[in-house]
């Protein structure tokens, strides 16, 4: 397992500062620009400005698009909901962090999944960020092996969730539960978990919608926070 201490990366060739402008706030779409690359410095700079990449072609194929949703799905401190049935289910599983990053990304990238978008290029880019200590995974295991998990980027007080999967009932929810514990438990009330777009499934677990401008304000605060102790 790589060191969790994030390594410095060369700066990006691209300036994402335009994403902080009123002009972007007034845009009606979620896509703000296309092109660029997936170098570590580019990705980290983009997330710091509230932007994330996803291919514009089928299955996430090129060209590369950079997105800043008008309405962002976020999980804030105190909002996560854990049902009684999930609490009972928790005892069936073991949870780890950064024990099987490549396996988690591979499961999330399964082309048979609805809305599959993780290309080999995306997987390699986030694998490199994992090696550098910026990207992390949460794994949920049972007697049959890897049952579920999620992965994303940790930048100061921001955890940008990229994808989540489950092979067994409740395993994905338990991965999110563990992430919430890690991110918010050590006095991390001003941190945020960004899930990009909200869904009915995520909303039942406490994810709320934030308009783009409100998200940027929360992001600015989160980026002044410390990295969660469980991800250092």
Protein backbone atom coordinates (compact mmCIF):
# COMPACT_ATOMS: atom_id res chain seq x y z
CA UNK A 1 0.00 0.00 0.00
CA UNK A 2 1.44 3.44 -0.91
CA UNK A 3 2.16 6.11 1.66
CA UNK A 4 -0.97 8.12 2.37
CA UNK A 5 0.97 11.37 2.68
CA UNK A 6 0.17 13.27 -0.53
CA UNK A 7 3.22 13.89 -2.68
CA UNK A 8 3.72 17.25 -4.41
CA UNK A 9 2.91 17.27 -8.10
CA UNK A 10 3.97 19.60 -10.93
CA UNK A 11 1.49 22.40 -11.62
CA UNK A 12 -1.02 22.04 -14.43
CA UNK A 13 -0.51 23.61 -17.83
CA UNK A 14 -4.15 24.69 -17.64
CA UNK A 15 -5.69 27.50 -15.61
CA UNK A 16 -9.07 26.56 -14.12
CA UNK A 17 -9.51 29.89 -12.39
CA UNK A 18 -12.23 30.83 -14.88
CA UNK A 19 -14.52 28.39 -13.02
CA UNK A 20 -14.72 30.83 -10.11
CA UNK A 21 -16.32 33.54 -12.22
CA UNK A 22 -19.88 34.85 -12.22
CA UNK A 23 -20.03 33.90 -15.90
CA UNK A 24 -19.68 30.21 -15.06
CA UNK A 25 -22.22 30.58 -12.25
CA UNK A 26 -24.73 31.87 -14.78
CA UNK A 27 -24.18 29.04 -17.27
CA UNK A 28 -27.25 26.87 -17.81
CA UNK A 29 -25.37 23.62 -18.47
CA UNK A 30 -23.12 21.39 -16.38
CA UNK A 31 -20.31 21.13 -18.95
CA UNK A 32 -17.95 24.12 -18.72
CA UNK A 33 -15.04 23.24 -21.03
CA UNK A 34 -13.56 20.41 -23.10
CA UNK A 35 -10.00 19.27 -23.80
CA UNK A 36 -7.00 19.22 -21.50
CA UNK A 37 -5.24 16.22 -20.00
CA UNK A 38 -5.38 13.89 -17.01
CA UNK A 39 -2.03 14.73 -15.45
CA UNK A 40 -2.02 14.76 -11.63
CA UNK A 41 -1.55 18.52 -11.43
CA UNK A 42 -4.41 19.11 -13.86
CA UNK A 43 -6.82 16.93 -11.93
CA UNK A 44 -5.96 18.42 -8.56
CA UNK A 45 -6.25 21.97 -9.87
CA UNK A 46 -9.62 21.21 -11.44
CA UNK A 47 -11.10 19.77 -8.25
CA UNK A 48 -9.87 22.76 -6.27
CA UNK A 49 -11.98 24.90 -8.60
CA UNK A 50 -15.05 22.66 -8.37
CA UNK A 51 -14.54 20.88 -11.71
CA UNK A 52 -14.17 17.19 -12.50
CA UNK A 53 -13.51 15.24 -15.74
CA UNK A 54 -15.72 12.85 -17.67
CA UNK A 55 -15.49 11.88 -21.31
CA UNK A 56 -18.09 13.20 -23.72
CA UNK A 57 -18.26 10.04 -25.85
CA UNK A 58 -20.11 6.79 -25.25
CA UNK A 59 -18.94 5.07 -22.07
CA UNK A 60 -16.82 8.08 -21.14
CA UNK A 61 -14.78 7.98 -24.35
CA UNK A 62 -12.88 11.08 -25.54
CA UNK A 63 -13.06 13.97 -26.03
CA UNK A 64 -12.58 14.90 -22.39
CA UNK A 65 -15.16 17.16 -20.78
CA UNK A 66 -14.85 19.15 -17.55
CA UNK A 67 -17.99 19.48 -15.48
CA UNK A 68 -19.34 21.81 -12.80
CA UNK A 69 -22.97 20.83 -12.15
CA UNK A 70 -25.51 23.61 -11.72
CA UNK A 71 -26.81 21.57 -8.76
CA UNK A 72 -24.18 19.62 -6.85
CA UNK A 73 -24.79 16.57 -4.67
CA UNK A 74 -22.96 16.87 -1.35
CA UNK A 75 -22.90 15.12 1.99
CA UNK A 76 -22.28 17.45 4.90
CA UNK A 77 -21.47 16.77 8.52
CA UNK A 78 -24.50 15.49 10.42
CA UNK A 79 -26.56 14.73 7.32
CA UNK A 80 -25.71 11.07 6.78
CA UNK A 81 -28.61 8.71 7.48
CA UNK A 82 -28.03 5.13 8.61
CA UNK A 83 -31.11 2.92 8.71
CA UNK A 84 -31.74 0.24 11.33
CA UNK A 85 -31.45 -2.46 8.70
CA UNK A 86 -28.04 -1.13 7.62
CA UNK A 87 -26.82 -1.17 11.21
CA UNK A 88 -27.84 -4.82 11.45
CA UNK A 89 -26.19 -5.60 8.12
CA UNK A 90 -22.87 -4.00 9.15
CA UNK A 91 -21.83 -7.02 11.23
CA UNK A 92 -21.64 -9.20 8.10
CA UNK A 93 -18.78 -7.18 6.60
CA UNK A 94 -15.19 -6.09 7.17
CA UNK A 95 -14.12 -2.63 6.01
CA UNK A 96 -10.66 -1.50 4.92
CA UNK A 97 -9.12 1.65 3.45
CA UNK A 98 -6.63 1.68 0.56
CA UNK A 99 -6.26 -2.10 0.63
CA UNK A 100 -7.46 -2.79 -2.93
CA UNK A 101 -7.64 0.47 -4.87
CA UNK A 102 -7.22 -1.10 -8.31
CA UNK A 103 -9.89 -3.73 -7.60
CA UNK A 104 -12.36 -1.05 -6.53
CA UNK A 105 -11.74 1.07 -9.62
CA UNK A 106 -12.04 -2.01 -11.82
CA UNK A 107 -15.38 -2.93 -10.26
CA UNK A 108 -16.65 0.64 -10.64
CA UNK A 109 -15.52 0.63 -14.28
CA UNK A 110 -17.38 -2.56 -15.20
CA UNK A 111 -18.79 -1.78 -18.67
CA UNK A 112 -21.91 -3.82 -17.86
CA UNK A 113 -22.98 -1.24 -15.28
CA UNK A 114 -25.60 1.32 -16.23
CA UNK A 115 -24.00 4.64 -17.08
CA UNK A 116 -20.47 3.24 -17.22
CA UNK A 117 -18.00 6.08 -17.85
CA UNK A 118 -14.64 5.04 -16.36
CA UNK A 119 -12.26 4.44 -19.26
CA UNK A 120 -8.80 2.82 -18.98
CA UNK A 121 -7.32 6.33 -19.25
CA UNK A 122 -9.41 7.54 -16.30
CA UNK A 123 -8.49 4.44 -14.28
CA UNK A 124 -4.78 4.98 -14.93
CA UNK A 125 -4.98 8.66 -14.02
CA UNK A 126 -6.60 8.00 -10.65
CA UNK A 127 -4.30 5.05 -10.06
CA UNK A 128 -1.39 7.45 -10.42
CA UNK A 129 -3.03 9.82 -7.92
CA UNK A 130 -3.41 6.88 -5.55
CA UNK A 131 0.30 6.13 -5.86
CA UNK A 132 0.97 9.77 -5.02
CA UNK A 133 -1.28 9.65 -1.95
CA UNK A 134 -4.16 11.78 -3.25
CA UNK A 135 -6.72 9.14 -4.25
CA UNK A 136 -8.19 6.63 -1.80
CA UNK A 137 -10.52 3.68 -1.72
CA UNK A 138 -12.83 2.16 0.87
CA UNK A 139 -13.34 -1.59 0.54
CA UNK A 140 -16.08 -3.75 2.02
CA UNK A 141 -15.42 -7.48 2.30
CA UNK A 142 -17.32 -10.61 3.20
CA UNK A 143 -16.52 -14.32 3.05
CA UNK A 144 -16.84 -14.27 -0.73
CA UNK A 145 -14.34 -11.45 -1.24
CA UNK A 146 -14.76 -7.83 -2.28
CA UNK A 147 -18.45 -7.03 -1.74
CA UNK A 148 -18.47 -3.29 -2.41
CA UNK A 149 -16.50 -0.09 -2.22
CA UNK A 150 -15.86 3.43 -3.44
CA UNK A 151 -12.97 5.63 -4.47
CA UNK A 152 -12.24 9.33 -4.80
CA UNK A 153 -9.80 12.17 -4.15
CA UNK A 154 -8.91 13.72 -0.81
CA UNK A 155 -7.76 17.35 -1.07
CA UNK A 156 -7.57 19.12 2.29
CA UNK A 157 -11.16 18.96 3.64
CA UNK A 158 -12.71 17.87 0.36
CA UNK A 159 -13.38 14.24 -0.46
CA UNK A 160 -14.48 14.08 -4.08
CA UNK A 161 -16.23 10.77 -4.51
CA UNK A 162 -15.80 9.37 -8.01
CA UNK A 163 -17.71 6.10 -8.02
CA UNK A 164 -19.21 3.44 -5.77
CA UNK A 165 -20.27 -0.15 -6.40
CA UNK A 166 -21.72 -3.16 -4.62
CA UNK A 167 -21.78 -6.86 -5.36
CA UNK A 168 -23.77 -7.66 -2.21
CA UNK A 169 -26.74 -5.84 -0.68
CA UNK A 170 -25.75 -2.89 1.54
CA UNK A 171 -22.01 -3.16 0.78
CA UNK A 172 -21.89 0.18 -1.06
CA UNK A 173 -23.85 1.90 1.69
CA UNK A 174 -21.43 0.56 4.27
CA UNK A 175 -18.48 1.91 2.26
CA UNK A 176 -20.11 5.35 2.33
CA UNK A 177 -20.80 5.00 6.06
CA UNK A 178 -17.12 4.34 6.69
CA UNK A 179 -16.12 7.29 4.51
CA UNK A 180 -18.44 9.56 6.49
CA UNK A 181 -16.84 8.37 9.73
CA UNK A 182 -13.35 9.06 8.38
CA UNK A 183 -14.12 12.48 6.94
CA UNK A 184 -16.23 13.97 9.72
CA UNK A 185 -15.28 12.27 12.99
CA UNK A 186 -12.08 14.18 13.86
CA UNK A 187 -13.64 17.64 14.23
CA UNK A 188 -14.21 17.83 10.48
CA UNK A 189 -17.53 19.69 10.47
CA UNK A 190 -16.43 22.04 7.69
CA UNK A 191 -15.29 19.25 5.39
CA UNK A 192 -17.50 18.02 2.56
CA UNK A 193 -18.05 14.82 0.62
CA UNK A 194 -18.83 15.71 -2.99
CA UNK A 195 -20.80 13.09 -4.96
CA UNK A 196 -21.11 15.24 -8.12
CA UNK A 197 -24.75 14.53 -9.05
CA UNK A 198 -27.35 13.51 -6.50
CA UNK A 199 -29.61 10.49 -7.08
CA UNK A 200 -32.73 9.17 -5.31
CA UNK A 201 -30.55 6.40 -3.84
CA UNK A 202 -28.00 8.86 -2.46
CA UNK A 203 -30.63 11.26 -1.16
CA UNK A 204 -31.99 8.54 1.13
CA UNK A 205 -28.55 8.49 2.76
CA UNK A 206 -28.50 12.21 3.41
CA UNK A 207 -27.00 13.69 0.26
CA UNK A 208 -28.38 17.18 -0.40
CA UNK A 209 -28.37 19.50 -3.41
CA UNK A 210 -26.35 22.72 -3.50
CA UNK A 211 -26.50 25.31 -6.27
CA UNK A 212 -23.17 25.82 -8.03
CA UNK A 213 -22.35 29.10 -6.28
CA UNK A 214 -23.24 27.73 -2.83
CA UNK A 215 -21.10 24.67 -3.54
CA UNK A 216 -18.14 26.88 -4.37
CA UNK A 217 -18.53 28.71 -1.07
CA UNK A 218 -18.56 25.42 0.84
CA UNK A 219 -15.60 24.20 -1.21
CA UNK A 220 -13.56 27.30 -0.35
CA UNK A 221 -14.09 26.58 3.35
CA UNK A 222 -13.34 22.86 2.96
CA UNK A 223 -10.05 23.55 1.21
CA UNK A 224 -8.86 25.43 4.30
CA UNK A 225 -9.43 22.35 6.50
CA UNK A 226 -7.00 19.57 7.37
CA UNK A 227 -6.88 16.22 5.62
CA UNK A 228 -8.91 13.64 7.60
CA UNK A 229 -6.66 11.69 9.94
CA UNK A 230 -7.81 8.39 8.41
CA UNK A 231 -6.52 9.43 4.98
CA UNK A 232 -3.10 10.81 5.95
